[in-house]
Amino acid sequence: MILLDTNIFIYLAKGELAADSIANTDIAHASITKVEALGFPALPANELLLLTELFEESYTLDLSAAIVNQAIRLRQAKPMSLGDAIIAATALEHNLELWTANTEDFIHIEKLQLVNPMS
């Protein structure tokens, strides 16, 4: 199973990343990823539909006390957005590879497995 960052969901919905890149792979998302992606104002209807379908096919990894504590440690170590901290903490707590187009936002985190499917 892999954890997808918000930007990967968006690239999939826009067709900028081929759906076959995740074919036959169990995908998951941090609960905040759904808020970030679907909460975007003026989201085109076709992208909303595709995002909704992707989230329905993806495992939701809910925020837990362990993830919150890990996110706090990450933000104390280096300034980062709350969303990125929760996503990284979710990947670490579940020992999952994180797929993101923004590897530079996460590269400083030890033991975090990163893949940029856009490169």
PDB file of N, CA and C in Angstrom:
ATOM      1  N   MET A   1       0.851  -1.179   0.000  1.00  0.00           N
ATOM      2  CA  MET A   1       0.000   0.000   0.000  1.00  0.00           C
ATOM      3  C   MET A   1       0.892   1.236   0.000  1.00  0.00           C
ATOM      4  N   ILE A   2       0.425   2.270  -0.706  1.00  0.00           N
ATOM      5  CA  ILE A   2       1.135   3.544  -0.762  1.00  0.00           C
ATOM      6  C   ILE A   2       0.202   4.657  -0.290  1.00  0.00           C
ATOM      7  N   LEU A   3       0.792   5.712   0.230  1.00  0.00           N
ATOM      8  CA  LEU A   3       0.036   6.880   0.668  1.00  0.00           C
ATOM      9  C   LEU A   3       0.235   7.977  -0.368  1.00  0.00           C
ATOM     10  N   LEU A   4      -0.865   8.533  -0.854  1.00  0.00           N
ATOM     11  CA  LEU A   4      -0.786   9.595  -1.853  1.00  0.00           C
ATOM     12  C   LEU A   4      -0.945  10.956  -1.198  1.00  0.00           C
ATOM     13  N   ASP A   5      -0.051  11.869  -1.551  1.00  0.00           N
ATOM     14  CA  ASP A   5      -0.150  13.254  -1.117  1.00  0.00           C
ATOM     15  C   ASP A   5      -1.285  13.915  -1.905  1.00  0.00           C
ATOM     16  N   THR A   6      -1.758  15.021  -1.418  1.00  0.00           N
ATOM     17  CA  THR A   6      -2.861  15.747  -2.056  1.00  0.00           C
ATOM     18  C   THR A   6      -2.556  16.062  -3.515  1.00  0.00           C
ATOM     19  N   ASN A   7      -1.339  16.494  -3.796  1.00  0.00           N
ATOM     20  CA  ASN A   7      -1.018  16.881  -5.173  1.00  0.00           C
ATOM     21  C   ASN A   7      -1.117  15.705  -6.137  1.00  0.00           C
ATOM     22  N   ILE A   8      -0.870  14.503  -5.687  1.00  0.00           N
ATOM     23  CA  ILE A   8      -0.969  13.338  -6.569  1.00  0.00           C
ATOM     24  C   ILE A   8      -2.428  13.068  -6.921  1.00  0.00           C
ATOM     25  N   PHE A   9      -3.332  13.198  -5.951  1.00  0.00           N
ATOM     26  CA  PHE A   9      -4.761  13.066  -6.250  1.00  0.00           C
ATOM     27  C   PHE A   9      -5.177  14.095  -7.299  1.00  0.00           C
ATOM     28  N   ILE A  10      -4.693  15.308  -7.140  1.00  0.00           N
ATOM     29  CA  ILE A  10      -5.055  16.383  -8.079  1.00  0.00           C
ATOM     30  C   ILE A  10      -4.500  16.096  -9.476  1.00  0.00           C
ATOM     31  N   TYR A  11      -3.249  15.653  -9.556  1.00  0.00           N
ATOM     32  CA  TYR A  11      -2.671  15.323 -10.864  1.00  0.00           C
ATOM     33  C   TYR A  11      -3.419  14.165 -11.520  1.00  0.00           C
ATOM     34  N   LEU A  12      -3.852  13.202 -10.742  1.00  0.00           N
ATOM     35  CA  LEU A  12      -4.637  12.096 -11.298  1.00  0.00           C
ATOM     36  C   LEU A  12      -5.975  12.608 -11.833  1.00  0.00           C
ATOM     37  N   ALA A  13      -6.644  13.464 -11.070  1.00  0.00           N
ATOM     38  CA  ALA A  13      -7.952  13.989 -11.475  1.00  0.00           C
ATOM     39  C   ALA A  13      -7.852  14.864 -12.714  1.00  0.00           C
ATOM     40  N   LYS A  14      -6.749  15.580 -12.866  1.00  0.00           N
ATOM     41  CA  LYS A  14      -6.557  16.456 -14.030  1.00  0.00           C
ATOM     42  C   LYS A  14      -6.025  15.695 -15.239  1.00  0.00           C
ATOM     43  N   GLY A  15      -5.670  14.422 -15.038  1.00  0.00           N
ATOM     44  CA  GLY A  15      -5.105  13.640 -16.130  1.00  0.00           C
ATOM     45  C   GLY A  15      -3.641  13.931 -16.384  1.00  0.00           C
ATOM     46  N   GLU A  16      -2.985  14.637 -15.466  1.00  0.00           N
ATOM     47  CA  GLU A  16      -1.567  14.961 -15.618  1.00  0.00           C
ATOM     48  C   GLU A  16      -0.672  13.823 -15.153  1.00  0.00           C
ATOM     49  N   LEU A  17      -1.254  12.866 -14.453  1.00  0.00           N
ATOM     50  CA  LEU A  17      -0.583  11.636 -14.048  1.00  0.00           C
ATOM     51  C   LEU A  17      -1.489  10.497 -14.481  1.00  0.00           C
ATOM     52  N   ALA A  18      -0.948   9.559 -15.210  1.00  0.00           N
ATOM     53  CA  ALA A  18      -1.748   8.454 -15.746  1.00  0.00           C
ATOM     54  C   ALA A  18      -2.286   7.571 -14.634  1.00  0.00           C
ATOM     55  N   ALA A  19      -3.547   7.205 -14.746  1.00  0.00           N
ATOM     56  CA  ALA A  19      -4.190   6.341 -13.755  1.00  0.00           C
ATOM     57  C   ALA A  19      -3.501   4.985 -13.672  1.00  0.00           C
ATOM     58  N   ASP A  20      -2.870   4.548 -14.758  1.00  0.00           N
ATOM     59  CA  ASP A  20      -2.204   3.250 -14.712  1.00  0.00           C
ATOM     60  C   ASP A  20      -0.971   3.259 -13.811  1.00  0.00           C
ATOM     61  N   SER A  21      -0.526   4.447 -13.383  1.00  0.00           N
ATOM     62  CA  SER A  21       0.612   4.520 -12.460  1.00  0.00           C
ATOM     63  C   SER A  21       0.256   3.964 -11.079  1.00  0.00           C
ATOM     64  N   ILE A  22      -1.042   3.921 -10.774  1.00  0.00           N
ATOM     65  CA  ILE A  22      -1.482   3.352  -9.485  1.00  0.00           C
ATOM     66  C   ILE A  22      -2.300   2.082  -9.676  1.00  0.00           C
ATOM     67  N   ALA A  23      -2.387   1.603 -10.918  1.00  0.00           N
ATOM     68  CA  ALA A  23      -3.164   0.393 -11.196  1.00  0.00           C
ATOM     69  C   ALA A  23      -2.584  -0.790 -10.421  1.00  0.00           C
ATOM     70  N   ASN A  24      -3.454  -1.636  -9.932  1.00  0.00           N
ATOM     71  CA  ASN A  24      -3.070  -2.838  -9.184  1.00  0.00           C
ATOM     72  C   ASN A  24      -2.267  -2.529  -7.926  1.00  0.00           C
ATOM     73  N   THR A  25      -2.457  -1.330  -7.386  1.00  0.00           N
ATOM     74  CA  THR A  25      -1.779  -0.908  -6.159  1.00  0.00           C
ATOM     75  C   THR A  25      -2.830  -0.428  -5.175  1.00  0.00           C
ATOM     76  N   ASP A  26      -2.737  -0.891  -3.940  1.00  0.00           N
ATOM     77  CA  ASP A  26      -3.621  -0.357  -2.907  1.00  0.00           C
ATOM     78  C   ASP A  26      -3.144   1.038  -2.556  1.00  0.00           C
ATOM     79  N   ILE A  27      -4.069   1.998  -2.624  1.00  0.00           N
ATOM     80  CA  ILE A  27      -3.712   3.379  -2.296  1.00  0.00           C
ATOM     81  C   ILE A  27      -4.463   3.818  -1.043  1.00  0.00           C
ATOM     82  N   ALA A  28      -3.831   4.727  -0.324  1.00  0.00           N
ATOM     83  CA  ALA A  28      -4.410   5.263   0.904  1.00  0.00           C
ATOM     84  C   ALA A  28      -4.176   6.764   0.929  1.00  0.00           C
ATOM     85  N   HIS A  29      -4.930   7.427   1.804  1.00  0.00           N
ATOM     86  CA  HIS A  29      -4.742   8.863   1.998  1.00  0.00           C
ATOM     87  C   HIS A  29      -4.958   9.205   3.464  1.00  0.00           C
ATOM     88  N   ALA A  30      -4.236  10.231   3.911  1.00  0.00           N
ATOM     89  CA  ALA A  30      -4.468  10.784   5.239  1.00  0.00           C
ATOM     90  C   ALA A  30      -5.790  11.534   5.192  1.00  0.00           C
ATOM     91  N   SER A  31      -6.525  11.535   6.277  1.00  0.00           N
ATOM     92  CA  SER A  31      -7.840  12.179   6.278  1.00  0.00           C
ATOM     93  C   SER A  31      -7.763  13.647   5.853  1.00  0.00           C
ATOM     94  N   ILE A  32      -6.687  14.329   6.188  1.00  0.00           N
ATOM     95  CA  ILE A  32      -6.561  15.745   5.812  1.00  0.00           C
ATOM     96  C   ILE A  32      -6.412  15.924   4.303  1.00  0.00           C
ATOM     97  N   THR A  33      -5.931  14.920   3.605  1.00  0.00           N
ATOM     98  CA  THR A  33      -5.765  14.996   2.157  1.00  0.00           C
ATOM     99  C   THR A  33      -7.108  15.210   1.469  1.00  0.00           C
ATOM    100  N   LYS A  34      -8.118  14.538   1.961  1.00  0.00           N
ATOM    101  CA  LYS A  34      -9.466  14.684   1.388  1.00  0.00           C
ATOM    102  C   LYS A  34      -9.968  16.111   1.597  1.00  0.00           C
ATOM    103  N   VAL A  35      -9.716  16.670   2.765  1.00  0.00           N
ATOM    104  CA  VAL A  35     -10.124  18.049   3.055  1.00  0.00           C
ATOM    105  C   VAL A  35      -9.395  19.015   2.127  1.00  0.00           C
ATOM    106  N   GLU A  36      -8.081  18.817   1.970  1.00  0.00           N
ATOM    107  CA  GLU A  36      -7.303  19.708   1.108  1.00  0.00           C
ATOM    108  C   GLU A  36      -7.772  19.637  -0.342  1.00  0.00           C
ATOM    109  N   ALA A  37      -7.987  18.442  -0.856  1.00  0.00           N
ATOM    110  CA  ALA A  37      -8.335  18.283  -2.275  1.00  0.00           C
ATOM    111  C   ALA A  37      -9.768  18.694  -2.575  1.00  0.00           C
ATOM    112  N   LEU A  38     -10.714  18.227  -1.784  1.00  0.00           N
ATOM    113  CA  LEU A  38     -12.120  18.520  -2.069  1.00  0.00           C
ATOM    114  C   LEU A  38     -12.545  19.888  -1.556  1.00  0.00           C
ATOM    115  N   GLY A  39     -11.768  20.481  -0.674  1.00  0.00           N
ATOM    116  CA  GLY A  39     -12.099  21.785  -0.112  1.00  0.00           C
ATOM    117  C   GLY A  39     -11.611  22.949  -0.955  1.00  0.00           C
ATOM    118  N   PHE A  40     -11.003  22.653  -2.083  1.00  0.00           N
ATOM    119  CA  PHE A  40     -10.507  23.704  -2.964  1.00  0.00           C
ATOM    120  C   PHE A  40     -11.688  24.461  -3.561  1.00  0.00           C
ATOM    121  N   PRO A  41     -11.702  25.799  -3.445  1.00  0.00           N
ATOM    122  CA  PRO A  41     -12.821  26.562  -3.998  1.00  0.00           C
ATOM    123  C   PRO A  41     -12.846  26.511  -5.526  1.00  0.00           C
ATOM    124  N   ALA A  42     -14.027  26.537  -6.075  1.00  0.00           N
ATOM    125  CA  ALA A  42     -14.239  26.567  -7.533  1.00  0.00           C
ATOM    126  C   ALA A  42     -13.639  25.353  -8.241  1.00  0.00           C
ATOM    127  N   LEU A  43     -13.688  24.203  -7.602  1.00  0.00           N
ATOM    128  CA  LEU A  43     -13.199  22.964  -8.198  1.00  0.00           C
ATOM    129  C   LEU A  43     -14.111  22.589  -9.360  1.00  0.00           C
ATOM    130  N   PRO A  44     -13.553  22.418 -10.560  1.00  0.00           N
ATOM    131  CA  PRO A  44     -14.398  22.043 -11.705  1.00  0.00           C
ATOM    132  C   PRO A  44     -15.150  20.736 -11.434  1.00  0.00           C
ATOM    133  N   ALA A  45     -16.366  20.652 -11.921  1.00  0.00           N
ATOM    134  CA  ALA A  45     -17.242  19.505 -11.652  1.00  0.00           C
ATOM    135  C   ALA A  45     -16.612  18.184 -12.062  1.00  0.00           C
ATOM    136  N   ASN A  46     -15.929  18.157 -13.214  1.00  0.00           N
ATOM    137  CA  ASN A  46     -15.329  16.901 -13.660  1.00  0.00           C
ATOM    138  C   ASN A  46     -14.197  16.454 -12.734  1.00  0.00           C
ATOM    139  N   GLU A  47     -13.410  17.402 -12.233  1.00  0.00           N
ATOM    140  CA  GLU A  47     -12.345  17.060 -11.292  1.00  0.00           C
ATOM    141  C   GLU A  47     -12.921  16.627  -9.954  1.00  0.00           C
ATOM    142  N   LEU A  48     -13.996  17.283  -9.514  1.00  0.00           N
ATOM    143  CA  LEU A  48     -14.663  16.891  -8.273  1.00  0.00           C
ATOM    144  C   LEU A  48     -15.148  15.452  -8.369  1.00  0.00           C
ATOM    145  N   LEU A  49     -15.742  15.099  -9.491  1.00  0.00           N
ATOM    146  CA  LEU A  49     -16.239  13.741  -9.694  1.00  0.00           C
ATOM    147  C   LEU A  49     -15.086  12.738  -9.666  1.00  0.00           C
ATOM    148  N   LEU A  50     -14.015  13.025 -10.382  1.00  0.00           N
ATOM    149  CA  LEU A  50     -12.868  12.113 -10.406  1.00  0.00           C
ATOM    150  C   LEU A  50     -12.200  12.002  -9.040  1.00  0.00           C
ATOM    151  N   LEU A  51     -12.050  13.120  -8.348  1.00  0.00           N
ATOM    152  CA  LEU A  51     -11.469  13.087  -7.007  1.00  0.00           C
ATOM    153  C   LEU A  51     -12.327  12.261  -6.061  1.00  0.00           C
ATOM    154  N   THR A  52     -13.632  12.461  -6.125  1.00  0.00           N
ATOM    155  CA  THR A  52     -14.549  11.712  -5.263  1.00  0.00           C
ATOM    156  C   THR A  52     -14.410  10.217  -5.515  1.00  0.00           C
ATOM    157  N   GLU A  53     -14.332   9.833  -6.783  1.00  0.00           N
ATOM    158  CA  GLU A  53     -14.152   8.419  -7.125  1.00  0.00           C
ATOM    159  C   GLU A  53     -12.818   7.886  -6.611  1.00  0.00           C
ATOM    160  N   LEU A  54     -11.760   8.666  -6.761  1.00  0.00           N
ATOM    161  CA  LEU A  54     -10.449   8.238  -6.266  1.00  0.00           C
ATOM    162  C   LEU A  54     -10.462   8.040  -4.753  1.00  0.00           C
ATOM    163  N   PHE A  55     -11.099   8.969  -4.040  1.00  0.00           N
ATOM    164  CA  PHE A  55     -11.158   8.830  -2.582  1.00  0.00           C
ATOM    165  C   PHE A  55     -11.993   7.630  -2.161  1.00  0.00           C
ATOM    166  N   GLU A  56     -13.040   7.321  -2.919  1.00  0.00           N
ATOM    167  CA  GLU A  56     -13.859   6.148  -2.614  1.00  0.00           C
ATOM    168  C   GLU A  56     -13.078   4.853  -2.809  1.00  0.00           C
ATOM    169  N   GLU A  57     -12.133   4.851  -3.740  1.00  0.00           N
ATOM    170  CA  GLU A  57     -11.322   3.669  -4.020  1.00  0.00           C
ATOM    171  C   GLU A  57     -10.079   3.580  -3.138  1.00  0.00           C
ATOM    172  N   SER A  58      -9.840   4.611  -2.358  1.00  0.00           N
ATOM    173  CA  SER A  58      -8.646   4.711  -1.528  1.00  0.00           C
ATOM    174  C   SER A  58      -9.000   4.439  -0.064  1.00  0.00           C
ATOM    175  N   TYR A  59      -8.053   3.870   0.653  1.00  0.00           N
ATOM    176  CA  TYR A  59      -8.235   3.659   2.094  1.00  0.00           C
ATOM    177  C   TYR A  59      -8.023   4.979   2.824  1.00  0.00           C
ATOM    178  N   THR A  60      -8.916   5.303   3.741  1.00  0.00           N
ATOM    179  CA  THR A  60      -8.764   6.493   4.573  1.00  0.00           C
ATOM    180  C   THR A  60      -8.014   6.117   5.841  1.00  0.00           C
ATOM    181  N   LEU A  61      -6.925   6.795   6.106  1.00  0.00           N
ATOM    182  CA  LEU A  61      -6.166   6.585   7.332  1.00  0.00           C
ATOM    183  C   LEU A  61      -6.463   7.773   8.247  1.00  0.00           C
ATOM    184  N   ASP A  62      -7.337   7.520   9.201  1.00  0.00           N
ATOM    185  CA  ASP A  62      -7.828   8.581  10.077  1.00  0.00           C
ATOM    186  C   ASP A  62      -6.758   9.086  11.026  1.00  0.00           C
ATOM    187  N   LEU A  63      -6.965  10.307  11.461  1.00  0.00           N
ATOM    188  CA  LEU A  63      -6.082  10.946  12.425  1.00  0.00           C
ATOM    189  C   LEU A  63      -6.198  10.210  13.762  1.00  0.00           C
ATOM    190  N   SER A  64      -5.069   9.821  14.308  1.00  0.00           N
ATOM    191  CA  SER A  64      -5.032   9.129  15.597  1.00  0.00           C
ATOM    192  C   SER A  64      -4.124   9.913  16.539  1.00  0.00           C
ATOM    193  N   ALA A  65      -4.134   9.545  17.802  1.00  0.00           N
ATOM    194  CA  ALA A  65      -3.257  10.205  18.774  1.00  0.00           C
ATOM    195  C   ALA A  65      -1.793  10.021  18.386  1.00  0.00           C
ATOM    196  N   ALA A  66      -1.429   8.855  17.884  1.00  0.00           N
ATOM    197  CA  ALA A  66      -0.042   8.599  17.481  1.00  0.00           C
ATOM    198  C   ALA A  66       0.357   9.500  16.310  1.00  0.00           C
ATOM    199  N   ILE A  67      -0.544   9.680  15.352  1.00  0.00           N
ATOM    200  CA  ILE A  67      -0.256  10.549  14.208  1.00  0.00           C
ATOM    201  C   ILE A  67      -0.144  11.998  14.666  1.00  0.00           C
ATOM    202  N   VAL A  68      -1.036  12.435  15.537  1.00  0.00           N
ATOM    203  CA  VAL A  68      -0.968  13.802  16.072  1.00  0.00           C
ATOM    204  C   VAL A  68       0.374  14.032  16.759  1.00  0.00           C
ATOM    205  N   ASN A  69       0.784  13.111  17.603  1.00  0.00           N
ATOM    206  CA  ASN A  69       2.050  13.259  18.327  1.00  0.00           C
ATOM    207  C   ASN A  69       3.244  13.269  17.369  1.00  0.00           C
ATOM    208  N   GLN A  70       3.199  12.424  16.358  1.00  0.00           N
ATOM    209  CA  GLN A  70       4.273  12.397  15.361  1.00  0.00           C
ATOM    210  C   GLN A  70       4.310  13.722  14.585  1.00  0.00           C
ATOM    211  N   ALA A  71       3.137  14.242  14.210  1.00  0.00           N
ATOM    212  CA  ALA A  71       3.062  15.515  13.488  1.00  0.00           C
ATOM    213  C   ALA A  71       3.615  16.664  14.335  1.00  0.00           C
ATOM    214  N   ILE A  72       3.335  16.634  15.620  1.00  0.00           N
ATOM    215  CA  ILE A  72       3.879  17.657  16.525  1.00  0.00           C
ATOM    216  C   ILE A  72       5.399  17.593  16.526  1.00  0.00           C
ATOM    217  N   ARG A  73       5.949  16.388  16.641  1.00  0.00           N
ATOM    218  CA  ARG A  73       7.413  16.237  16.638  1.00  0.00           C
ATOM    219  C   ARG A  73       8.010  16.738  15.324  1.00  0.00           C
ATOM    220  N   LEU A  74       7.357  16.436  14.218  1.00  0.00           N
ATOM    221  CA  LEU A  74       7.864  16.886  12.918  1.00  0.00           C
ATOM    222  C   LEU A  74       7.880  18.407  12.819  1.00  0.00           C
ATOM    223  N   ARG A  75       6.813  19.051  13.299  1.00  0.00           N
ATOM    224  CA  ARG A  75       6.737  20.517  13.219  1.00  0.00           C
ATOM    225  C   ARG A  75       7.689  21.185  14.204  1.00  0.00           C
ATOM    226  N   GLN A  76       7.973  20.511  15.325  1.00  0.00           N
ATOM    227  CA  GLN A  76       8.943  21.065  16.276  1.00  0.00           C
ATOM    228  C   GLN A  76      10.357  20.996  15.713  1.00  0.00           C
ATOM    229  N   ALA A  77      10.619  19.965  14.911  1.00  0.00           N
ATOM    230  CA  ALA A  77      11.955  19.775  14.343  1.00  0.00           C
ATOM    231  C   ALA A  77      12.248  20.753  13.211  1.00  0.00           C
ATOM    232  N   LYS A  78      11.216  21.054  12.402  1.00  0.00           N
ATOM    233  CA  LYS A  78      11.408  21.961  11.267  1.00  0.00           C
ATOM    234  C   LYS A  78      10.058  22.541  10.885  1.00  0.00           C
ATOM    235  N   PRO A  79       9.999  23.853  10.640  1.00  0.00           N
ATOM    236  CA  PRO A  79       8.714  24.433  10.239  1.00  0.00           C
ATOM    237  C   PRO A  79       8.172  23.765   8.969  1.00  0.00           C
ATOM    238  N   MET A  80       6.906  23.391   9.023  1.00  0.00           N
ATOM    239  CA  MET A  80       6.230  22.814   7.865  1.00  0.00           C
ATOM    240  C   MET A  80       4.738  23.017   8.051  1.00  0.00           C
ATOM    241  N   SER A  81       3.998  22.927   6.971  1.00  0.00           N
ATOM    242  CA  SER A  81       2.556  23.136   7.068  1.00  0.00           C
ATOM    243  C   SER A  81       1.911  22.027   7.892  1.00  0.00           C
ATOM    244  N   LEU A  82       0.783  22.340   8.461  1.00  0.00           N
ATOM    245  CA  LEU A  82       0.053  21.352   9.247  1.00  0.00           C
ATOM    246  C   LEU A  82      -0.333  20.158   8.381  1.00  0.00           C
ATOM    247  N   GLY A  83      -0.808  20.432   7.161  1.00  0.00           N
ATOM    248  CA  GLY A  83      -1.194  19.348   6.262  1.00  0.00           C
ATOM    249  C   GLY A  83      -0.031  18.420   5.957  1.00  0.00           C
ATOM    250  N   ASP A  84       1.115  18.987   5.607  1.00  0.00           N
ATOM    251  CA  ASP A  84       2.288  18.168   5.307  1.00  0.00           C
ATOM    252  C   ASP A  84       2.730  17.362   6.523  1.00  0.00           C
ATOM    253  N   ALA A  85       2.674  17.967   7.695  1.00  0.00           N
ATOM    254  CA  ALA A  85       3.074  17.259   8.910  1.00  0.00           C
ATOM    255  C   ALA A  85       2.153  16.066   9.174  1.00  0.00           C
ATOM    256  N   ILE A  86       0.862  16.250   8.992  1.00  0.00           N
ATOM    257  CA  ILE A  86      -0.080  15.150   9.216  1.00  0.00           C
ATOM    258  C   ILE A  86       0.096  14.064   8.166  1.00  0.00           C
ATOM    259  N   ILE A  87       0.296  14.454   6.918  1.00  0.00           N
ATOM    260  CA  ILE A  87       0.497  13.463   5.854  1.00  0.00           C
ATOM    261  C   ILE A  87       1.780  12.672   6.100  1.00  0.00           C
ATOM    262  N   ALA A  88       2.865  13.348   6.419  1.00  0.00           N
ATOM    263  CA  ALA A  88       4.130  12.654   6.694  1.00  0.00           C
ATOM    264  C   ALA A  88       4.006  11.756   7.918  1.00  0.00           C
ATOM    265  N   ALA A  89       3.375  12.261   8.959  1.00  0.00           N
ATOM    266  CA  ALA A  89       3.190  11.463  10.177  1.00  0.00           C
ATOM    267  C   ALA A  89       2.345  10.223   9.895  1.00  0.00           C
ATOM    268  N   THR A  90       1.348  10.360   9.045  1.00  0.00           N
ATOM    269  CA  THR A  90       0.506   9.215   8.675  1.00  0.00           C
ATOM    270  C   THR A  90       1.342   8.165   7.955  1.00  0.00           C
ATOM    271  N   ALA A  91       2.176   8.598   7.017  1.00  0.00           N
ATOM    272  CA  ALA A  91       3.044   7.661   6.296  1.00  0.00           C
ATOM    273  C   ALA A  91       3.999   6.957   7.261  1.00  0.00           C
ATOM    274  N   LEU A  92       4.587   7.714   8.166  1.00  0.00           N
ATOM    275  CA  LEU A  92       5.516   7.125   9.131  1.00  0.00           C
ATOM    276  C   LEU A  92       4.817   6.139  10.064  1.00  0.00           C
ATOM    277  N   GLU A  93       3.687   6.522  10.590  1.00  0.00           N
ATOM    278  CA  GLU A  93       2.976   5.658  11.546  1.00  0.00           C
ATOM    279  C   GLU A  93       2.490   4.354  10.922  1.00  0.00           C
ATOM    280  N   HIS A  94       2.184   4.400   9.625  1.00  0.00           N
ATOM    281  CA  HIS A  94       1.694   3.195   8.938  1.00  0.00           C
ATOM    282  C   HIS A  94       2.790   2.529   8.101  1.00  0.00           C
ATOM    283  N   ASN A  95       4.009   3.088   8.177  1.00  0.00           N
ATOM    284  CA  ASN A  95       5.158   2.558   7.447  1.00  0.00           C
ATOM    285  C   ASN A  95       4.855   2.421   5.949  1.00  0.00           C
ATOM    286  N   LEU A  96       4.356   3.518   5.372  1.00  0.00           N
ATOM    287  CA  LEU A  96       3.984   3.531   3.964  1.00  0.00           C
ATOM    288  C   LEU A  96       4.883   4.465   3.169  1.00  0.00           C
ATOM    289  N   GLU A  97       5.071   4.120   1.921  1.00  0.00           N
ATOM    290  CA  GLU A  97       5.755   4.975   0.978  1.00  0.00           C
ATOM    291  C   GLU A  97       4.831   6.154   0.662  1.00  0.00           C
ATOM    292  N   LEU A  98       5.373   7.367   0.668  1.00  0.00           N
ATOM    293  CA  LEU A  98       4.596   8.565   0.355  1.00  0.00           C
ATOM    294  C   LEU A  98       4.900   9.005  -1.061  1.00  0.00           C
ATOM    295  N   TRP A  99       3.856   9.047  -1.885  1.00  0.00           N
ATOM    296  CA  TRP A  99       3.986   9.550  -3.253  1.00  0.00           C
ATOM    297  C   TRP A  99       3.621  11.018  -3.248  1.00  0.00           C
ATOM    298  N   THR A 100       4.540  11.856  -3.692  1.00  0.00           N
ATOM    299  CA  THR A 100       4.323  13.299  -3.729  1.00  0.00           C
ATOM    300  C   THR A 100       5.141  13.921  -4.853  1.00  0.00           C
ATOM    301  N   ALA A 101       4.626  14.974  -5.411  1.00  0.00           N
ATOM    302  CA  ALA A 101       5.395  15.743  -6.388  1.00  0.00           C
ATOM    303  C   ALA A 101       6.263  16.779  -5.685  1.00  0.00           C
ATOM    304  N   ASN A 102       6.057  16.945  -4.392  1.00  0.00           N
ATOM    305  CA  ASN A 102       6.790  17.941  -3.604  1.00  0.00           C
ATOM    306  C   ASN A 102       7.761  17.259  -2.643  1.00  0.00           C
ATOM    307  N   THR A 103       8.665  16.463  -3.166  1.00  0.00           N
ATOM    308  CA  THR A 103       9.593  15.740  -2.291  1.00  0.00           C
ATOM    309  C   THR A 103      10.437  16.682  -1.432  1.00  0.00           C
ATOM    310  N   GLU A 104      10.710  17.884  -1.965  1.00  0.00           N
ATOM    311  CA  GLU A 104      11.533  18.830  -1.195  1.00  0.00           C
ATOM    312  C   GLU A 104      10.860  19.247   0.117  1.00  0.00           C
ATOM    313  N   ASP A 105       9.543  19.147   0.200  1.00  0.00           N
ATOM    314  CA  ASP A 105       8.837  19.483   1.435  1.00  0.00           C
ATOM    315  C   ASP A 105       9.023  18.421   2.513  1.00  0.00           C
ATOM    316  N   PHE A 106       9.465  17.231   2.112  1.00  0.00           N
ATOM    317  CA  PHE A 106       9.538  16.099   3.033  1.00  0.00           C
ATOM    318  C   PHE A 106      10.927  15.482   3.161  1.00  0.00           C
ATOM    319  N   ILE A 107      11.847  15.880   2.319  1.00  0.00           N
ATOM    320  CA  ILE A 107      13.151  15.229   2.222  1.00  0.00           C
ATOM    321  C   ILE A 107      13.922  15.216   3.539  1.00  0.00           C
ATOM    322  N   HIS A 108      13.655  16.169   4.400  1.00  0.00           N
ATOM    323  CA  HIS A 108      14.375  16.271   5.672  1.00  0.00           C
ATOM    324  C   HIS A 108      13.906  15.275   6.729  1.00  0.00           C
ATOM    325  N   ILE A 109      12.850  14.546   6.453  1.00  0.00           N
ATOM    326  CA  ILE A 109      12.267  13.652   7.460  1.00  0.00           C
ATOM    327  C   ILE A 109      12.911  12.266   7.366  1.00  0.00           C
ATOM    328  N   GLU A 110      13.619  11.909   8.411  1.00  0.00           N
ATOM    329  CA  GLU A 110      14.283  10.606   8.464  1.00  0.00           C
ATOM    330  C   GLU A 110      13.256   9.479   8.425  1.00  0.00           C
ATOM    331  N   LYS A 111      13.625   8.417   7.755  1.00  0.00           N
ATOM    332  CA  LYS A 111      12.829   7.185   7.664  1.00  0.00           C
ATOM    333  C   LYS A 111      11.573   7.321   6.812  1.00  0.00           C
ATOM    334  N   LEU A 112      11.323   8.487   6.254  1.00  0.00           N
ATOM    335  CA  LEU A 112      10.158   8.658   5.388  1.00  0.00           C
ATOM    336  C   LEU A 112      10.543   8.232   3.975  1.00  0.00           C
ATOM    337  N   GLN A 113       9.799   7.274   3.442  1.00  0.00           N
ATOM    338  CA  GLN A 113      10.050   6.754   2.096  1.00  0.00           C
ATOM    339  C   GLN A 113       9.295   7.626   1.100  1.00  0.00           C
ATOM    340  N   LEU A 114      10.016   8.249   0.183  1.00  0.00           N
ATOM    341  CA  LEU A 114       9.421   9.183  -0.777  1.00  0.00           C
ATOM    342  C   LEU A 114       9.560   8.688  -2.208  1.00  0.00           C
ATOM    343  N   VAL A 115       8.500   8.911  -2.994  1.00  0.00           N
ATOM    344  CA  VAL A 115       8.516   8.641  -4.424  1.00  0.00           C
ATOM    345  C   VAL A 115       7.853   9.807  -5.123  1.00  0.00           C
ATOM    346  N   ASN A 116       8.491  10.313  -6.177  1.00  0.00           N
ATOM    347  CA  ASN A 116       7.889  11.345  -7.003  1.00  0.00           C
ATOM    348  C   ASN A 116       7.499  10.702  -8.331  1.00  0.00           C
ATOM    349  N   PRO A 117       6.220  10.343  -8.500  1.00  0.00           N
ATOM    350  CA  PRO A 117       5.802   9.672  -9.744  1.00  0.00           C
ATOM    351  C   PRO A 117       5.758  10.628 -10.936  1.00  0.00           C
ATOM    352  N   MET A 118       5.961  11.911 -10.706  1.00  0.00           N
ATOM    353  CA  MET A 118       5.930  12.898 -11.769  1.00  0.00           C
ATOM    354  C   MET A 118       7.293  13.071 -12.436  1.00  0.00           C
ATOM    355  N   SER A 119       8.329  12.521 -11.809  1.00  0.00           N
ATOM    356  CA  SER A 119       9.671  12.716 -12.384  1.00  0.00           C
ATOM    357  C   SER A 119      10.093  11.539 -13.225  1.00  0.00           C
TER     358      SER A 119
END
